[in-house]
Amino acid sequence: MIKKLLSVVLLMMFFYNAFGQNYPCAENFSITTKTLNVSNSNIPESLIYWDFSKSSNNTSLVLELEIQPLNGCWKGLDGTKRSEKIVHKIESLSKKSQGEFAVSFKNLNAKCFKWRTKIVNTTTNCESLTDWQFFSFL
């Protein structure tokens, strides 16, 4: 009896975890980056752009841009941390469903950085992290 009950509970937990991973916190959005050449400067900037205008649940979404300045730019994502991570939070994606955030050498005081986004659905407490991306000002 206990073995059957235990196996049923384990089976339920397996399906709960397996199917729970298939539901993203948000859908129909895009996050992109591009390099901007700055006039009167030979050091470019990075522009992180987001668009949640087609997302049906953007009223309950919070977007966080995590930016980690790095040393050792030749190591890419494996470079050592230069200073504290910077978090830029966009609270209301329903009011600001499209936007951009410029990252410059002058603001970071670092030759390179890695960044990712964290999307939080405040209704379901779901959190999604994108993969780290690398940018070098060199």
N, C-alpha and C. Protein backbone atom coordinates (compact mmCIF):
# COMPACT_ATOMS: atom_id res chain seq x y z
N MET A 1 0.83 -1.19 0.00
CA MET A 1 0.00 0.00 0.00
C MET A 1 0.87 1.25 0.00
N ILE A 2 1.86 1.29 0.89
CA ILE A 2 2.74 2.46 0.98
C ILE A 2 3.57 2.60 -0.30
N LYS A 3 4.02 1.47 -0.86
CA LYS A 3 4.80 1.51 -2.10
C LYS A 3 3.98 2.07 -3.24
N LYS A 4 2.71 1.66 -3.32
CA LYS A 4 1.85 2.17 -4.38
C LYS A 4 1.60 3.66 -4.20
N LEU A 5 1.35 4.09 -2.98
CA LEU A 5 1.11 5.50 -2.70
C LEU A 5 2.36 6.32 -3.02
N LEU A 6 3.52 5.80 -2.62
CA LEU A 6 4.77 6.49 -2.89
C LEU A 6 5.03 6.60 -4.39
N SER A 7 4.77 5.53 -5.10
CA SER A 7 4.99 5.57 -6.55
C SER A 7 4.03 6.54 -7.24
N VAL A 8 2.79 6.62 -6.77
CA VAL A 8 1.83 7.57 -7.34
C VAL A 8 2.28 9.01 -7.06
N VAL A 9 2.75 9.28 -5.85
CA VAL A 9 3.21 10.62 -5.49
C VAL A 9 4.44 10.99 -6.33
N LEU A 10 5.38 10.07 -6.48
CA LEU A 10 6.57 10.34 -7.29
C LEU A 10 6.20 10.57 -8.75
N LEU A 11 5.26 9.80 -9.26
CA LEU A 11 4.81 9.97 -10.63
C LEU A 11 4.15 11.34 -10.82
N MET A 12 3.33 11.75 -9.86
CA MET A 12 2.69 13.06 -9.93
C MET A 12 3.73 14.18 -9.90
N MET A 13 4.74 14.04 -9.05
CA MET A 13 5.79 15.05 -8.97
C MET A 13 6.57 15.13 -10.28
N PHE A 14 6.84 13.98 -10.90
CA PHE A 14 7.55 13.96 -12.17
C PHE A 14 6.77 14.72 -13.23
N PHE A 15 5.47 14.42 -13.37
CA PHE A 15 4.68 15.09 -14.39
C PHE A 15 4.49 16.57 -14.08
N TYR A 16 4.37 16.92 -12.82
CA TYR A 16 4.23 18.32 -12.44
C TYR A 16 5.47 19.09 -12.86
N ASN A 17 6.67 18.58 -12.55
CA ASN A 17 7.91 19.26 -12.91
C ASN A 17 8.13 19.25 -14.42
N ALA A 18 7.85 18.14 -15.08
CA ALA A 18 8.10 18.05 -16.51
C ALA A 18 7.20 19.00 -17.30
N PHE A 19 5.93 19.04 -16.97
CA PHE A 19 5.02 19.90 -17.71
C PHE A 19 5.10 21.35 -17.25
N GLY A 20 5.50 21.59 -16.02
CA GLY A 20 5.65 22.95 -15.53
C GLY A 20 6.73 23.71 -16.26
N GLN A 21 7.74 23.02 -16.78
CA GLN A 21 8.83 23.67 -17.50
C GLN A 21 8.40 24.15 -18.88
N ASN A 22 7.31 23.66 -19.40
CA ASN A 22 6.89 24.01 -20.74
C ASN A 22 6.15 25.34 -20.82
N TYR A 23 5.73 25.90 -19.74
CA TYR A 23 4.96 27.14 -19.74
C TYR A 23 5.88 28.31 -19.42
N PRO A 24 6.17 29.15 -20.40
CA PRO A 24 7.05 30.29 -20.16
C PRO A 24 6.33 31.37 -19.36
N CYS A 25 7.11 32.21 -18.74
CA CYS A 25 6.54 33.33 -17.98
C CYS A 25 5.94 34.38 -18.91
N ALA A 26 6.46 34.45 -20.11
CA ALA A 26 5.97 35.42 -21.09
C ALA A 26 6.10 34.81 -22.48
N GLU A 27 5.33 35.35 -23.39
CA GLU A 27 5.41 34.88 -24.77
C GLU A 27 5.20 36.07 -25.70
N ASN A 28 5.57 35.88 -26.95
CA ASN A 28 5.44 36.92 -27.98
C ASN A 28 6.18 38.20 -27.62
N PHE A 29 7.45 38.07 -27.29
CA PHE A 29 8.27 39.23 -26.99
C PHE A 29 9.62 39.07 -27.68
N SER A 30 10.37 40.16 -27.74
CA SER A 30 11.72 40.08 -28.29
C SER A 30 12.65 40.98 -27.47
N ILE A 31 13.87 40.50 -27.32
CA ILE A 31 14.92 41.27 -26.66
C ILE A 31 16.14 41.17 -27.57
N THR A 32 16.62 42.31 -28.03
CA THR A 32 17.74 42.33 -28.95
C THR A 32 18.77 43.35 -28.50
N THR A 33 19.93 43.27 -29.09
CA THR A 33 20.98 44.25 -28.81
C THR A 33 21.65 44.63 -30.11
N LYS A 34 22.13 45.85 -30.15
CA LYS A 34 22.90 46.28 -31.30
C LYS A 34 23.98 47.24 -30.85
N THR A 35 24.99 47.38 -31.69
CA THR A 35 26.11 48.25 -31.41
C THR A 35 25.84 49.61 -32.05
N LEU A 36 26.01 50.66 -31.25
CA LEU A 36 25.82 52.02 -31.74
C LEU A 36 27.16 52.72 -31.84
N ASN A 37 27.44 53.32 -32.98
CA ASN A 37 28.62 54.15 -33.11
C ASN A 37 28.27 55.54 -32.61
N VAL A 38 29.08 56.07 -31.70
CA VAL A 38 28.83 57.36 -31.08
C VAL A 38 29.64 58.41 -31.81
N SER A 39 29.00 59.53 -32.14
CA SER A 39 29.74 60.60 -32.82
C SER A 39 30.80 61.18 -31.89
N ASN A 40 31.91 61.59 -32.44
CA ASN A 40 33.05 62.15 -31.71
C ASN A 40 33.67 61.17 -30.72
N SER A 41 33.52 59.86 -30.97
CA SER A 41 34.10 58.85 -30.11
C SER A 41 34.44 57.61 -30.94
N ASN A 42 35.52 56.96 -30.58
CA ASN A 42 35.85 55.70 -31.27
C ASN A 42 35.43 54.49 -30.44
N ILE A 43 34.72 54.74 -29.34
CA ILE A 43 34.22 53.65 -28.48
C ILE A 43 32.71 53.53 -28.69
N PRO A 44 32.23 52.38 -29.15
CA PRO A 44 30.80 52.22 -29.39
C PRO A 44 30.02 52.04 -28.08
N GLU A 45 28.71 52.06 -28.20
CA GLU A 45 27.79 51.75 -27.09
C GLU A 45 26.99 50.53 -27.47
N SER A 46 26.42 49.90 -26.47
CA SER A 46 25.52 48.78 -26.69
C SER A 46 24.11 49.24 -26.36
N LEU A 47 23.18 48.92 -27.22
CA LEU A 47 21.78 49.28 -27.00
C LEU A 47 20.97 48.00 -26.85
N ILE A 48 20.37 47.82 -25.68
CA ILE A 48 19.50 46.67 -25.42
C ILE A 48 18.07 47.13 -25.62
N TYR A 49 17.35 46.45 -26.50
CA TYR A 49 16.00 46.84 -26.88
C TYR A 49 15.03 45.72 -26.54
N TRP A 50 13.86 46.08 -26.00
CA TRP A 50 12.83 45.08 -25.70
C TRP A 50 11.51 45.49 -26.30
N ASP A 51 10.71 44.47 -26.65
CA ASP A 51 9.38 44.69 -27.21
C ASP A 51 8.43 43.62 -26.67
N PHE A 52 7.55 44.03 -25.77
CA PHE A 52 6.54 43.15 -25.20
C PHE A 52 5.14 43.57 -25.65
N SER A 53 5.05 44.36 -26.72
CA SER A 53 3.75 44.89 -27.16
C SER A 53 2.79 43.81 -27.62
N LYS A 54 3.30 42.67 -28.09
CA LYS A 54 2.44 41.58 -28.55
C LYS A 54 2.19 40.53 -27.48
N SER A 55 2.76 40.72 -26.30
CA SER A 55 2.59 39.76 -25.20
C SER A 55 1.24 40.00 -24.54
N SER A 56 0.46 38.95 -24.39
CA SER A 56 -0.89 39.09 -23.85
C SER A 56 -0.91 39.33 -22.34
N ASN A 57 0.18 39.00 -21.65
CA ASN A 57 0.19 39.16 -20.19
C ASN A 57 1.18 40.22 -19.72
N ASN A 58 1.44 41.24 -20.54
CA ASN A 58 2.43 42.24 -20.16
C ASN A 58 2.02 43.11 -18.97
N THR A 59 0.75 43.07 -18.58
CA THR A 59 0.32 43.84 -17.40
C THR A 59 0.86 43.24 -16.10
N SER A 60 1.22 41.97 -16.14
CA SER A 60 1.72 41.32 -14.92
C SER A 60 3.21 40.98 -15.02
N LEU A 61 3.92 41.58 -15.98
CA LEU A 61 5.33 41.25 -16.18
C LEU A 61 6.24 42.37 -15.68
N VAL A 62 7.37 41.95 -15.13
CA VAL A 62 8.45 42.85 -14.73
C VAL A 62 9.70 42.38 -15.46
N LEU A 63 10.43 43.32 -16.04
CA LEU A 63 11.67 43.00 -16.76
C LEU A 63 12.84 43.59 -16.00
N GLU A 64 13.88 42.78 -15.80
CA GLU A 64 15.10 43.25 -15.17
C GLU A 64 16.26 42.99 -16.12
N LEU A 65 17.04 44.03 -16.40
CA LEU A 65 18.26 43.89 -17.19
C LEU A 65 19.41 43.77 -16.20
N GLU A 66 20.12 42.66 -16.25
CA GLU A 66 21.26 42.44 -15.36
C GLU A 66 22.53 42.64 -16.18
N ILE A 67 23.36 43.58 -15.76
CA ILE A 67 24.59 43.93 -16.47
C ILE A 67 25.76 43.73 -15.53
N GLN A 68 26.69 42.87 -15.92
CA GLN A 68 27.86 42.55 -15.10
C GLN A 68 29.13 43.04 -15.80
N PRO A 69 29.75 44.15 -15.30
CA PRO A 69 31.04 44.59 -15.87
C PRO A 69 32.11 43.53 -15.64
N LEU A 70 33.01 43.38 -16.63
CA LEU A 70 34.01 42.30 -16.59
C LEU A 70 35.43 42.82 -16.78
N ASN A 71 36.38 42.09 -16.22
CA ASN A 71 37.80 42.19 -16.55
C ASN A 71 38.13 40.98 -17.41
N GLY A 72 39.22 41.02 -18.11
CA GLY A 72 39.63 39.86 -18.91
C GLY A 72 38.70 39.65 -20.08
N CYS A 73 38.56 40.66 -20.92
CA CYS A 73 37.61 40.61 -22.03
C CYS A 73 37.92 39.49 -23.03
N TRP A 74 39.17 39.08 -23.12
CA TRP A 74 39.53 38.01 -24.05
C TRP A 74 38.92 36.67 -23.62
N LYS A 75 38.44 36.59 -22.40
CA LYS A 75 37.82 35.35 -21.93
C LYS A 75 36.32 35.31 -22.18
N GLY A 76 35.76 36.36 -22.76
CA GLY A 76 34.33 36.41 -23.06
C GLY A 76 33.48 36.33 -21.80
N LEU A 77 32.50 35.45 -21.81
CA LEU A 77 31.60 35.30 -20.66
C LEU A 77 32.31 34.83 -19.40
N ASP A 78 33.50 34.26 -19.55
CA ASP A 78 34.24 33.75 -18.40
C ASP A 78 35.16 34.79 -17.77
N GLY A 79 35.09 36.03 -18.22
CA GLY A 79 35.91 37.09 -17.63
C GLY A 79 35.54 37.29 -16.16
N THR A 80 36.50 37.79 -15.40
CA THR A 80 36.26 37.99 -13.96
C THR A 80 35.41 39.24 -13.73
N LYS A 81 34.66 39.24 -12.67
CA LYS A 81 33.80 40.37 -12.34
C LYS A 81 34.65 41.57 -11.97
N ARG A 82 34.32 42.71 -12.54
CA ARG A 82 35.05 43.94 -12.27
C ARG A 82 34.42 44.70 -11.11
N SER A 83 33.13 44.76 -11.09
CA SER A 83 32.41 45.49 -10.04
C SER A 83 31.05 44.84 -9.85
N GLU A 84 30.25 45.43 -9.01
CA GLU A 84 28.92 44.89 -8.71
C GLU A 84 28.03 44.87 -9.96
N LYS A 85 27.14 43.91 -9.99
CA LYS A 85 26.17 43.80 -11.07
C LYS A 85 25.21 44.98 -11.00
N ILE A 86 24.85 45.50 -12.14
CA ILE A 86 23.89 46.60 -12.25
C ILE A 86 22.55 46.00 -12.69
N VAL A 87 21.48 46.36 -12.00
CA VAL A 87 20.15 45.86 -12.37
C VAL A 87 19.27 47.06 -12.72
N HIS A 88 18.76 47.04 -13.94
CA HIS A 88 17.84 48.07 -14.41
C HIS A 88 16.46 47.42 -14.50
N LYS A 89 15.52 47.91 -13.69
CA LYS A 89 14.21 47.26 -13.56
C LYS A 89 13.13 48.09 -14.27
N ILE A 90 12.33 47.40 -15.08
CA ILE A 90 11.18 48.01 -15.73
C ILE A 90 9.94 47.37 -15.11
N GLU A 91 9.26 48.14 -14.28
CA GLU A 91 8.15 47.61 -13.48
C GLU A 91 6.89 47.33 -14.30
N SER A 92 6.49 48.26 -15.12
CA SER A 92 5.20 48.14 -15.78
C SER A 92 5.38 48.01 -17.29
N LEU A 93 5.44 46.79 -17.77
CA LEU A 93 5.60 46.58 -19.20
C LEU A 93 4.33 46.89 -19.98
N SER A 94 3.20 47.02 -19.31
CA SER A 94 1.98 47.39 -20.03
C SER A 94 2.05 48.85 -20.45
N LYS A 95 2.70 49.70 -19.65
CA LYS A 95 2.84 51.12 -19.99
C LYS A 95 4.08 51.39 -20.84
N LYS A 96 5.10 50.58 -20.65
CA LYS A 96 6.36 50.75 -21.39
C LYS A 96 6.72 49.41 -22.03
N SER A 97 5.86 48.95 -22.93
CA SER A 97 6.06 47.62 -23.53
C SER A 97 7.23 47.58 -24.51
N GLN A 98 7.62 48.74 -25.02
CA GLN A 98 8.79 48.83 -25.89
C GLN A 98 9.75 49.84 -25.27
N GLY A 99 11.02 49.51 -25.32
CA GLY A 99 12.00 50.44 -24.78
C GLY A 99 13.40 50.02 -25.10
N GLU A 100 14.33 50.83 -24.65
CA GLU A 100 15.74 50.54 -24.89
C GLU A 100 16.57 51.08 -23.73
N PHE A 101 17.73 50.50 -23.58
CA PHE A 101 18.66 50.89 -22.52
C PHE A 101 20.06 50.89 -23.12
N ALA A 102 20.73 52.04 -23.07
CA ALA A 102 22.07 52.16 -23.62
C ALA A 102 23.10 51.89 -22.53
N VAL A 103 24.11 51.10 -22.89
CA VAL A 103 25.21 50.79 -21.98
C VAL A 103 26.49 51.33 -22.61
N SER A 104 27.20 52.18 -21.85
CA SER A 104 28.40 52.80 -22.39
C SER A 104 29.62 52.49 -21.53
N PHE A 105 30.77 52.63 -22.15
CA PHE A 105 32.04 52.44 -21.46
C PHE A 105 32.14 53.42 -20.29
N LYS A 106 31.75 54.65 -20.52
CA LYS A 106 31.84 55.69 -19.50
C LYS A 106 30.99 55.35 -18.26
N ASN A 107 29.82 54.78 -18.47
CA ASN A 107 28.94 54.44 -17.34
C ASN A 107 29.43 53.23 -16.56
N LEU A 108 30.06 52.27 -17.26
CA LEU A 108 30.49 51.04 -16.59
C LEU A 108 31.92 51.10 -16.07
N ASN A 109 32.75 51.90 -16.72
CA ASN A 109 34.18 51.92 -16.42
C ASN A 109 34.77 50.52 -16.58
N ALA A 110 34.38 49.85 -17.63
CA ALA A 110 34.87 48.51 -17.95
C ALA A 110 34.92 48.38 -19.47
N LYS A 111 35.86 47.58 -19.96
CA LYS A 111 36.03 47.42 -21.40
C LYS A 111 35.04 46.43 -22.00
N CYS A 112 34.41 45.64 -21.15
CA CYS A 112 33.44 44.67 -21.63
C CYS A 112 32.46 44.34 -20.51
N PHE A 113 31.38 43.68 -20.87
CA PHE A 113 30.38 43.27 -19.88
C PHE A 113 29.59 42.10 -20.43
N LYS A 114 28.89 41.43 -19.53
CA LYS A 114 27.91 40.44 -19.94
C LYS A 114 26.57 40.88 -19.41
N TRP A 115 25.52 40.48 -20.08
CA TRP A 115 24.19 40.89 -19.68
C TRP A 115 23.19 39.77 -19.97
N ARG A 116 22.11 39.81 -19.21
CA ARG A 116 20.98 38.91 -19.43
C ARG A 116 19.74 39.60 -18.89
N THR A 117 18.60 39.01 -19.19
CA THR A 117 17.35 39.57 -18.67
C THR A 117 16.65 38.55 -17.79
N LYS A 118 15.92 39.08 -16.85
CA LYS A 118 15.09 38.27 -15.97
C LYS A 118 13.66 38.76 -16.14
N ILE A 119 12.78 37.86 -16.49
CA ILE A 119 11.36 38.19 -16.68
C ILE A 119 10.59 37.54 -15.56
N VAL A 120 9.82 38.35 -14.84
CA VAL A 120 9.04 37.86 -13.71
C VAL A 120 7.56 38.12 -13.98
N ASN A 121 6.76 37.06 -13.87
CA ASN A 121 5.31 37.18 -13.95
C ASN A 121 4.82 37.30 -12.52
N THR A 122 4.32 38.47 -12.14
CA THR A 122 3.91 38.71 -10.75
C THR A 122 2.63 37.97 -10.38
N THR A 123 1.85 37.55 -11.36
CA THR A 123 0.63 36.80 -11.08
C THR A 123 0.93 35.36 -10.71
N THR A 124 1.86 34.73 -11.45
CA THR A 124 2.16 33.31 -11.23
C THR A 124 3.47 33.09 -10.47
N ASN A 125 4.19 34.16 -10.16
CA ASN A 125 5.52 34.08 -9.52
C ASN A 125 6.51 33.28 -10.36
N CYS A 126 6.32 33.28 -11.65
CA CYS A 126 7.22 32.60 -12.57
C CYS A 126 8.40 33.52 -12.88
N GLU A 127 9.62 32.97 -12.90
CA GLU A 127 10.82 33.72 -13.24
C GLU A 127 11.55 33.01 -14.38
N SER A 128 11.93 33.77 -15.40
CA SER A 128 12.70 33.23 -16.52
C SER A 128 13.95 34.07 -16.69
N LEU A 129 15.07 33.39 -16.91
CA LEU A 129 16.34 34.07 -17.18
C LEU A 129 16.79 33.73 -18.59
N THR A 130 17.23 34.74 -19.33
CA THR A 130 17.81 34.47 -20.63
C THR A 130 19.28 34.06 -20.42
N ASP A 131 19.89 33.57 -21.47
CA ASP A 131 21.31 33.24 -21.41
C ASP A 131 22.12 34.53 -21.34
N TRP A 132 23.31 34.44 -20.75
CA TRP A 132 24.22 35.58 -20.71
C TRP A 132 24.68 35.90 -22.13
N GLN A 133 24.79 37.18 -22.43
CA GLN A 133 25.32 37.68 -23.70
C GLN A 133 26.56 38.51 -23.38
N PHE A 134 27.50 38.57 -24.30
CA PHE A 134 28.77 39.28 -24.08
C PHE A 134 28.87 40.47 -25.03
N PHE A 135 29.42 41.58 -24.53
CA PHE A 135 29.68 42.76 -25.36
C PHE A 135 31.01 43.37 -24.96
N SER A 136 31.81 43.72 -25.97
CA SER A 136 33.10 44.35 -25.72
C SER A 136 33.12 45.72 -26.38
N PHE A 137 33.63 46.72 -25.67
CA PHE A 137 33.76 48.06 -26.21
C PHE A 137 35.02 48.20 -27.06
N LEU A 138 35.88 47.19 -27.04
CA LEU A 138 37.15 47.25 -27.77
C LEU A 138 36.97 47.12 -29.27
